[in-house]
């Protein structure tokens, strides 16, 4: 009997280790732009909320406190333009990666069921299908997929890694197609607060879904917008007919967000000021890195949103990774996200201002 790990691909980041060692040997130290992990402080009001809830000896609930659910529904309506969102339309999760990896299993998918995701995509969509023993495939336009046996359609806008945004018309067309064929849509919208040259739209917007949440669920995270990657704070929003059974499964599995984290999320979603301040930090870093890459002979595609620049010199991504590692700069090779990325690298904006300036100086030489 094969182990569960045998179903999984090689963990891609392990392949980057030799280049990380090269970059770390630079006299002025490494500039690590390979992972989208926040480096700026957790806003003080969120830290205070966490500390105030630290005396939490009892078990938290999987569905979260009523205050948390109020915060989730209020943010969805205020920020995303969703309408008629109730507590039944939301579900806290323990970080979005956990959900992506285990969703096909929790939906009861298995051999013969198909999971589809973008041709260039976060690797965990494939991992989730593999864990469930479901079939998986990639797409350029999901409406060109054969809907027979297609049980889960992943959207990702803004995209990781490309930063591409699906506009309102595209989302409306895809949602209508999926409903026509009875295909469940999960839209990963973890970067929705980080639009630069485009304004990302949620599948929860009434212009997209016609005022109904049937067959659609969006995935949201506080890791990027509020620097809460270490808190594991995320949530789902959408069709109660999907979220209800997931809630029951997750109760049995003990998949609960800690009580202090729940209190921190309430504070985070109730404050828009820190989000604007963090956006400004990323916008400044993005401008500097973008100009430096363009000046160094790179071409940048998409990248109108999210925390990354999708860049190419029209050579093997590993050649680019190696060349940048010699400058002490570590980036992610594009083929981590699919073979279509084999000539691109993903450059994250998640480094301190000082490290970004160091990267800019090295690229200018």
Protein backbone atom coordinates (compact mmCIF):
# COMPACT_ATOMS: atom_id res chain seq x y z
CA UNK A 1 0.00 0.00 0.00
CA UNK A 2 1.53 3.32 -1.04
CA UNK A 3 1.84 6.10 1.47
CA UNK A 4 -0.02 9.37 1.08
CA UNK A 5 3.27 11.15 0.38
CA UNK A 6 3.76 8.98 -2.72
CA UNK A 7 0.82 10.80 -4.32
CA UNK A 8 2.56 14.14 -4.07
CA UNK A 9 5.04 15.85 -6.38
CA UNK A 10 8.52 16.79 -5.18
CA UNK A 11 8.28 19.82 -2.91
CA UNK A 12 9.44 22.49 -5.36
CA UNK A 13 11.20 24.80 -2.93
CA UNK A 14 13.76 22.12 -2.11
CA UNK A 15 15.18 22.61 -5.62
CA UNK A 16 15.94 26.24 -4.83
CA UNK A 17 18.27 25.48 -1.91
CA UNK A 18 21.59 25.52 -3.86
CA UNK A 19 20.72 28.93 -5.32
CA UNK A 20 19.77 30.20 -1.89
CA UNK A 21 23.24 29.25 -0.63
CA UNK A 22 24.83 31.13 -3.54
CA UNK A 23 22.74 34.24 -2.88
CA UNK A 24 23.45 34.06 0.86
CA UNK A 25 27.18 34.14 0.16
CA UNK A 26 26.94 37.66 -1.31
CA UNK A 27 29.12 40.08 0.72
CA UNK A 28 26.12 42.31 1.43
CA UNK A 29 23.82 39.38 2.22
CA UNK A 30 20.88 37.78 0.49
CA UNK A 31 17.84 39.64 -0.83
CA UNK A 32 15.18 36.97 -0.67
CA UNK A 33 12.37 37.73 -3.13
CA UNK A 34 11.42 34.10 -3.61
CA UNK A 35 8.55 33.71 -1.14
CA UNK A 36 5.52 35.92 -0.57
CA UNK A 37 5.90 36.02 3.19
CA UNK A 38 5.22 39.35 4.95
CA UNK A 39 8.19 41.09 6.57
CA UNK A 40 6.51 44.18 8.01
CA UNK A 41 5.16 44.37 11.58
CA UNK A 42 1.72 43.13 12.56
CA UNK A 43 -0.33 46.32 13.13
CA UNK A 44 -0.46 47.27 16.79
CA UNK A 45 -4.25 47.22 17.08
CA UNK A 46 -4.23 43.59 15.91
CA UNK A 47 -1.49 42.62 18.35
CA UNK A 48 -3.46 44.25 21.17
CA UNK A 49 -6.60 42.32 20.24
CA UNK A 50 -4.63 39.08 20.25
CA UNK A 51 -3.12 39.80 23.65
CA UNK A 52 -6.47 40.84 25.12
CA UNK A 53 -7.88 37.44 24.11
CA UNK A 54 -4.85 35.46 25.34
CA UNK A 55 -6.71 34.15 28.39
CA UNK A 56 -8.71 31.63 26.35
CA UNK A 57 -8.67 28.34 28.24
CA UNK A 58 -11.69 26.80 26.52
CA UNK A 59 -12.00 25.31 23.05
CA UNK A 60 -12.88 27.76 20.29
CA UNK A 61 -15.65 26.88 17.85
CA UNK A 62 -14.99 25.98 14.23
CA UNK A 63 -17.64 28.44 13.03
CA UNK A 64 -16.08 31.21 15.11
CA UNK A 65 -17.59 33.67 17.53
CA UNK A 66 -20.66 35.71 16.51
CA UNK A 67 -18.37 38.76 16.62
CA UNK A 68 -16.04 37.13 14.10
CA UNK A 69 -18.90 36.22 11.76
CA UNK A 70 -20.20 39.78 12.03
CA UNK A 71 -16.76 41.06 11.09
CA UNK A 72 -16.57 38.72 8.09
CA UNK A 73 -20.00 39.60 6.73
CA UNK A 74 -19.46 43.31 7.34
CA UNK A 75 -16.15 43.32 5.46
CA UNK A 76 -17.58 41.38 2.52
CA UNK A 77 -20.35 43.91 2.09
CA UNK A 78 -18.22 46.99 2.71
CA UNK A 79 -15.13 46.00 0.75
CA UNK A 80 -16.34 43.59 -1.94
CA UNK A 81 -19.85 44.89 -2.56
CA UNK A 82 -21.47 41.59 -1.59
CA UNK A 83 -25.16 41.76 -0.70
CA UNK A 84 -27.33 39.79 1.69
CA UNK A 85 -24.44 38.00 3.39
CA UNK A 86 -25.43 36.20 6.61
CA UNK A 87 -23.52 34.06 9.09
CA UNK A 88 -24.49 31.01 7.01
CA UNK A 89 -22.50 32.48 4.11
CA UNK A 90 -19.13 32.51 5.97
CA UNK A 91 -16.72 29.99 7.46
CA UNK A 92 -13.36 30.70 9.17
CA UNK A 93 -10.45 28.47 8.11
CA UNK A 94 -6.95 27.81 9.45
CA UNK A 95 -5.09 29.72 6.76
CA UNK A 96 -5.99 29.35 3.10
CA UNK A 97 -3.31 26.79 2.16
CA UNK A 98 -4.84 24.21 4.49
CA UNK A 99 -8.18 24.70 2.78
CA UNK A 100 -6.74 24.47 -0.74
CA UNK A 101 -4.88 21.26 0.07
CA UNK A 102 -7.79 19.47 1.75
CA UNK A 103 -10.85 20.87 -0.03
CA UNK A 104 -11.21 18.09 -2.64
CA UNK A 105 -11.04 15.50 0.14
CA UNK A 106 -13.57 17.39 2.26
CA UNK A 107 -15.88 17.67 -0.76
CA UNK A 108 -15.75 13.88 -1.08
CA UNK A 109 -13.98 13.89 -4.43
CA UNK A 110 -12.00 10.88 -5.57
CA UNK A 111 -10.97 8.78 -8.58
CA UNK A 112 -12.85 9.80 -11.71
CA UNK A 113 -13.69 13.27 -10.40
CA UNK A 114 -11.87 16.16 -12.04
CA UNK A 115 -10.35 19.28 -10.50
CA UNK A 116 -9.25 22.13 -12.77
CA UNK A 117 -7.07 25.15 -12.10
CA UNK A 118 -5.19 27.77 -14.17
CA UNK A 119 -2.28 26.67 -16.37
CA UNK A 120 -0.01 28.91 -14.27
CA UNK A 121 -1.01 28.38 -10.67
CA UNK A 122 -0.17 27.94 -7.01
CA UNK A 123 1.07 24.30 -6.76
CA UNK A 124 -1.29 23.41 -3.90
CA UNK A 125 -4.32 23.19 -6.21
CA UNK A 126 -2.70 20.12 -7.77
CA UNK A 127 -1.67 18.81 -4.35
CA UNK A 128 -5.29 18.96 -3.15
CA UNK A 129 -6.48 16.90 -6.10
CA UNK A 130 -3.70 14.37 -5.62
CA UNK A 131 -4.47 13.96 -1.91
CA UNK A 132 -8.07 13.09 -2.83
CA UNK A 133 -6.90 10.79 -5.67
CA UNK A 134 -8.96 12.95 -8.03
CA UNK A 135 -7.91 13.77 -11.58
CA UNK A 136 -6.48 17.22 -12.21
CA UNK A 137 -6.03 19.39 -15.26
CA UNK A 138 -5.07 22.92 -16.23
CA UNK A 139 -6.87 25.44 -18.39
CA UNK A 140 -6.40 28.71 -20.24
CA UNK A 141 -10.14 29.41 -20.47
CA UNK A 142 -12.22 27.28 -18.09
CA UNK A 143 -15.29 27.47 -20.32
CA UNK A 144 -13.41 25.36 -22.87
CA UNK A 145 -13.12 22.47 -20.40
CA UNK A 146 -15.26 19.35 -20.78
CA UNK A 147 -17.75 19.79 -17.92
CA UNK A 148 -18.43 16.03 -17.61
CA UNK A 149 -17.02 14.89 -14.28
CA UNK A 150 -15.63 18.35 -13.51
CA UNK A 151 -16.46 18.69 -9.82
CA UNK A 152 -14.27 21.61 -8.75
CA UNK A 153 -13.13 24.63 -10.73
CA UNK A 154 -10.47 26.82 -9.14
CA UNK A 155 -10.24 30.47 -10.14
CA UNK A 156 -7.41 32.67 -8.88
CA UNK A 157 -7.73 36.42 -9.35
CA UNK A 158 -5.46 38.23 -8.74
CA UNK A 159 -3.25 35.37 -9.82
CA UNK A 160 -0.32 33.85 -8.02
CA UNK A 161 2.18 33.90 -9.75
CA UNK A 162 1.30 36.20 -12.65
CA UNK A 163 -0.71 38.95 -10.95
CA UNK A 164 -3.32 38.70 -13.71
CA UNK A 165 -6.82 39.94 -12.85
CA UNK A 166 -10.02 38.46 -14.26
CA UNK A 167 -12.31 41.37 -15.04
CA UNK A 168 -15.99 41.53 -14.23
CA UNK A 169 -17.08 40.36 -17.69
CA UNK A 170 -14.76 37.32 -17.59
CA UNK A 171 -15.90 36.33 -14.11
CA UNK A 172 -19.57 36.73 -15.06
CA UNK A 173 -19.11 34.53 -18.12
CA UNK A 174 -17.25 31.83 -16.18
CA UNK A 175 -19.76 31.75 -13.31
CA UNK A 176 -22.68 31.49 -15.77
CA UNK A 177 -20.94 28.62 -17.63
CA UNK A 178 -20.17 26.77 -14.39
CA UNK A 179 -23.75 27.06 -13.18
CA UNK A 180 -25.10 25.89 -16.51
CA UNK A 181 -23.03 22.71 -16.17
CA UNK A 182 -23.35 22.20 -12.41
CA UNK A 183 -19.66 22.86 -11.73
CA UNK A 184 -18.68 24.13 -8.27
CA UNK A 185 -16.51 27.27 -8.42
CA UNK A 186 -13.98 28.15 -5.72
CA UNK A 187 -12.38 31.54 -6.34
CA UNK A 188 -9.08 32.14 -4.56
CA UNK A 189 -9.11 35.89 -3.90
CA UNK A 190 -6.32 36.14 -1.32
CA UNK A 191 -4.69 39.10 -3.12
CA UNK A 192 -7.88 41.04 -3.79
CA UNK A 193 -6.77 44.03 -1.69
CA UNK A 194 -3.62 44.41 -3.80
CA UNK A 195 -4.69 45.76 -7.18
CA UNK A 196 -2.24 48.17 -8.83
CA UNK A 197 -3.15 48.75 -12.48
CA UNK A 198 -6.47 46.93 -12.19
CA UNK A 199 -9.24 46.82 -9.59
CA UNK A 200 -9.89 43.18 -8.70
CA UNK A 201 -13.53 42.06 -8.49
CA UNK A 202 -14.91 39.23 -6.37
CA UNK A 203 -17.22 36.47 -7.58
CA UNK A 204 -19.38 37.59 -4.66
CA UNK A 205 -20.20 40.87 -6.39
CA UNK A 206 -23.84 40.94 -7.55
CA UNK A 207 -22.79 42.10 -11.03
CA UNK A 208 -20.89 38.82 -11.37
CA UNK A 209 -23.27 36.37 -9.72
CA UNK A 210 -26.63 38.00 -10.41
CA UNK A 211 -27.39 38.34 -6.72
CA UNK A 212 -27.12 34.61 -5.98
CA UNK A 213 -24.30 32.70 -4.28
CA UNK A 214 -25.39 29.35 -5.66
CA UNK A 215 -22.44 27.21 -6.66
CA UNK A 216 -19.75 29.76 -5.79
CA UNK A 217 -17.38 30.19 -2.85
CA UNK A 218 -14.57 32.72 -2.47
CA UNK A 219 -11.42 32.19 -0.41
CA UNK A 220 -9.92 35.10 1.55
CA UNK A 221 -6.80 35.50 3.66
CA UNK A 222 -5.46 38.06 6.08
CA UNK A 223 -1.86 36.93 5.56
CA UNK A 224 -0.98 39.58 2.98
CA UNK A 225 -3.37 42.48 3.65
CA UNK A 226 -2.69 42.54 7.42
CA UNK A 227 0.69 40.76 7.73
CA UNK A 228 -0.97 37.86 9.54
CA UNK A 229 0.70 34.91 7.80
CA UNK A 230 1.92 33.75 11.22
CA UNK A 231 -1.60 33.84 12.64
CA UNK A 232 -3.13 31.43 10.06
CA UNK A 233 -6.23 33.55 9.55
CA UNK A 234 -8.49 33.09 6.54
CA UNK A 235 -12.12 32.43 5.66
CA UNK A 236 -14.57 31.23 3.05
CA UNK A 237 -17.65 33.08 1.83
CA UNK A 238 -20.41 32.01 -0.50
CA UNK A 239 -22.97 29.25 -1.01
CA UNK A 240 -24.39 28.02 2.35
CA UNK A 241 -25.23 24.69 0.71
CA UNK A 242 -21.47 24.15 0.30
CA UNK A 243 -20.28 25.78 3.51
CA UNK A 244 -22.78 23.97 5.76
CA UNK A 245 -21.43 20.47 5.08
CA UNK A 246 -17.85 21.79 5.20
CA UNK A 247 -18.58 23.21 8.65
CA UNK A 248 -19.79 19.81 9.86
CA UNK A 249 -16.73 18.02 8.44
CA UNK A 250 -14.39 20.57 9.95
CA UNK A 251 -16.09 20.22 13.35
CA UNK A 252 -15.34 16.50 13.28
CA UNK A 253 -11.77 17.21 12.17
CA UNK A 254 -11.11 19.86 14.82
CA UNK A 255 -10.17 22.45 12.20
CA UNK A 256 -10.63 25.49 14.38
CA UNK A 257 -8.96 28.89 14.40
CA UNK A 258 -7.57 29.74 17.85
CA UNK A 259 -9.66 32.09 19.99
CA UNK A 260 -6.96 34.80 20.14
CA UNK A 261 -6.62 34.66 16.36
CA UNK A 262 -10.37 35.04 15.97
CA UNK A 263 -10.25 38.19 18.10
CA UNK A 264 -7.33 39.49 16.04
CA UNK A 265 -9.28 38.97 12.81
CA UNK A 266 -12.20 41.00 14.18
CA UNK A 267 -9.81 43.88 14.82
CA UNK A 268 -8.08 43.49 11.45
CA UNK A 269 -11.26 43.48 9.36
CA UNK A 270 -12.66 46.44 11.25
CA UNK A 271 -9.77 48.71 10.33
CA UNK A 272 -8.96 49.88 6.80
CA UNK A 273 -6.16 52.29 7.73
CA UNK A 274 -3.46 49.66 8.24
CA UNK A 275 -4.41 48.06 4.91
CA UNK A 276 -3.85 51.34 3.06
CA UNK A 277 -0.52 51.84 4.82
CA UNK A 278 0.65 48.36 3.88
CA UNK A 279 -0.50 48.83 0.29
CA UNK A 280 1.61 51.99 0.11
CA UNK A 281 4.68 50.07 1.28
CA UNK A 282 4.17 47.43 -1.37
CA UNK A 283 3.42 50.00 -4.07
CA UNK A 284 6.71 51.77 -3.36
CA UNK A 285 8.69 48.52 -3.45
CA UNK A 286 6.89 47.45 -6.60
CA UNK A 287 7.84 50.65 -8.43
CA UNK A 288 11.50 50.32 -7.46
CA UNK A 289 11.79 46.65 -8.36
CA UNK A 290 9.80 46.99 -11.57
CA UNK A 291 11.98 49.82 -12.86
CA UNK A 292 15.15 47.99 -11.86
CA UNK A 293 14.10 44.77 -13.62
CA UNK A 294 13.09 46.62 -16.78
CA UNK A 295 16.43 48.44 -16.74
CA UNK A 296 18.21 45.09 -16.44
CA UNK A 297 16.67 43.69 -19.61
CA UNK A 298 13.63 41.97 -18.17
CA UNK A 299 10.12 42.06 -19.63
CA UNK A 300 7.21 42.03 -17.19
CA UNK A 301 3.90 40.44 -18.10
CA UNK A 302 0.54 40.88 -16.32
CA UNK A 303 1.50 41.81 -12.71
CA UNK A 304 -1.34 44.34 -12.54
CA UNK A 305 -2.12 43.09 -9.02
CA UNK A 306 -0.86 40.82 -6.20
CA UNK A 307 2.51 40.75 -4.47
CA UNK A 308 4.65 39.64 -7.39
CA UNK A 309 6.27 40.71 -10.64
CA UNK A 310 6.11 38.06 -13.35
CA UNK A 311 9.35 38.70 -15.23
CA UNK A 312 11.33 37.13 -18.06
CA UNK A 313 14.54 37.53 -20.04
CA UNK A 314 13.27 34.94 -22.57
CA UNK A 315 15.65 32.31 -21.24
CA UNK A 316 15.29 29.27 -18.99
CA UNK A 317 13.94 30.34 -15.62
CA UNK A 318 16.79 28.46 -13.95
CA UNK A 319 19.34 30.45 -15.93
CA UNK A 320 17.70 33.61 -14.63
CA UNK A 321 17.55 32.24 -11.08
CA UNK A 322 21.25 31.42 -11.23
CA UNK A 323 22.22 34.79 -12.65
CA UNK A 324 20.27 36.65 -9.97
CA UNK A 325 21.62 34.37 -7.23
CA UNK A 326 25.12 35.48 -8.25
CA UNK A 327 23.94 39.02 -7.44
CA UNK A 328 22.70 37.82 -4.06
CA UNK A 329 19.04 37.98 -5.15
CA UNK A 330 16.81 34.92 -4.78
CA UNK A 331 13.65 34.62 -6.88
CA UNK A 332 11.22 31.79 -7.62
CA UNK A 333 11.56 29.93 -10.94
CA UNK A 334 8.43 30.13 -13.04
CA UNK A 335 8.21 26.38 -13.63
CA UNK A 336 7.23 25.95 -9.98
CA UNK A 337 3.82 27.14 -11.18
CA UNK A 338 3.54 25.04 -14.34
CA UNK A 339 5.52 24.30 -17.48
CA UNK A 340 4.11 27.46 -19.09
CA UNK A 341 6.30 29.43 -16.66
CA UNK A 342 9.59 27.86 -17.71
CA UNK A 343 10.99 31.16 -19.05
CA UNK A 344 9.72 33.37 -16.24
CA UNK A 345 10.63 34.13 -12.64
CA UNK A 346 8.35 35.34 -9.87
CA UNK A 347 9.76 38.28 -7.96
CA UNK A 348 8.08 38.97 -4.63
CA UNK A 349 7.61 42.44 -3.16
CA UNK A 350 7.98 41.02 0.35
CA UNK A 351 11.34 42.31 1.47
CA UNK A 352 12.18 45.25 3.68
CA UNK A 353 12.75 48.66 2.12
CA UNK A 354 16.47 48.29 2.86
CA UNK A 355 16.71 44.90 1.10
CA UNK A 356 14.68 46.14 -1.87
CA UNK A 357 17.09 49.07 -2.26
CA UNK A 358 19.99 46.61 -2.13
CA UNK A 359 18.41 44.56 -4.94
CA UNK A 360 17.84 47.69 -7.02
CA UNK A 361 21.49 48.73 -6.64
CA UNK A 362 22.75 45.29 -7.65
CA UNK A 363 20.49 45.16 -10.71
CA UNK A 364 21.76 48.57 -11.83
CA UNK A 365 25.43 47.51 -11.96
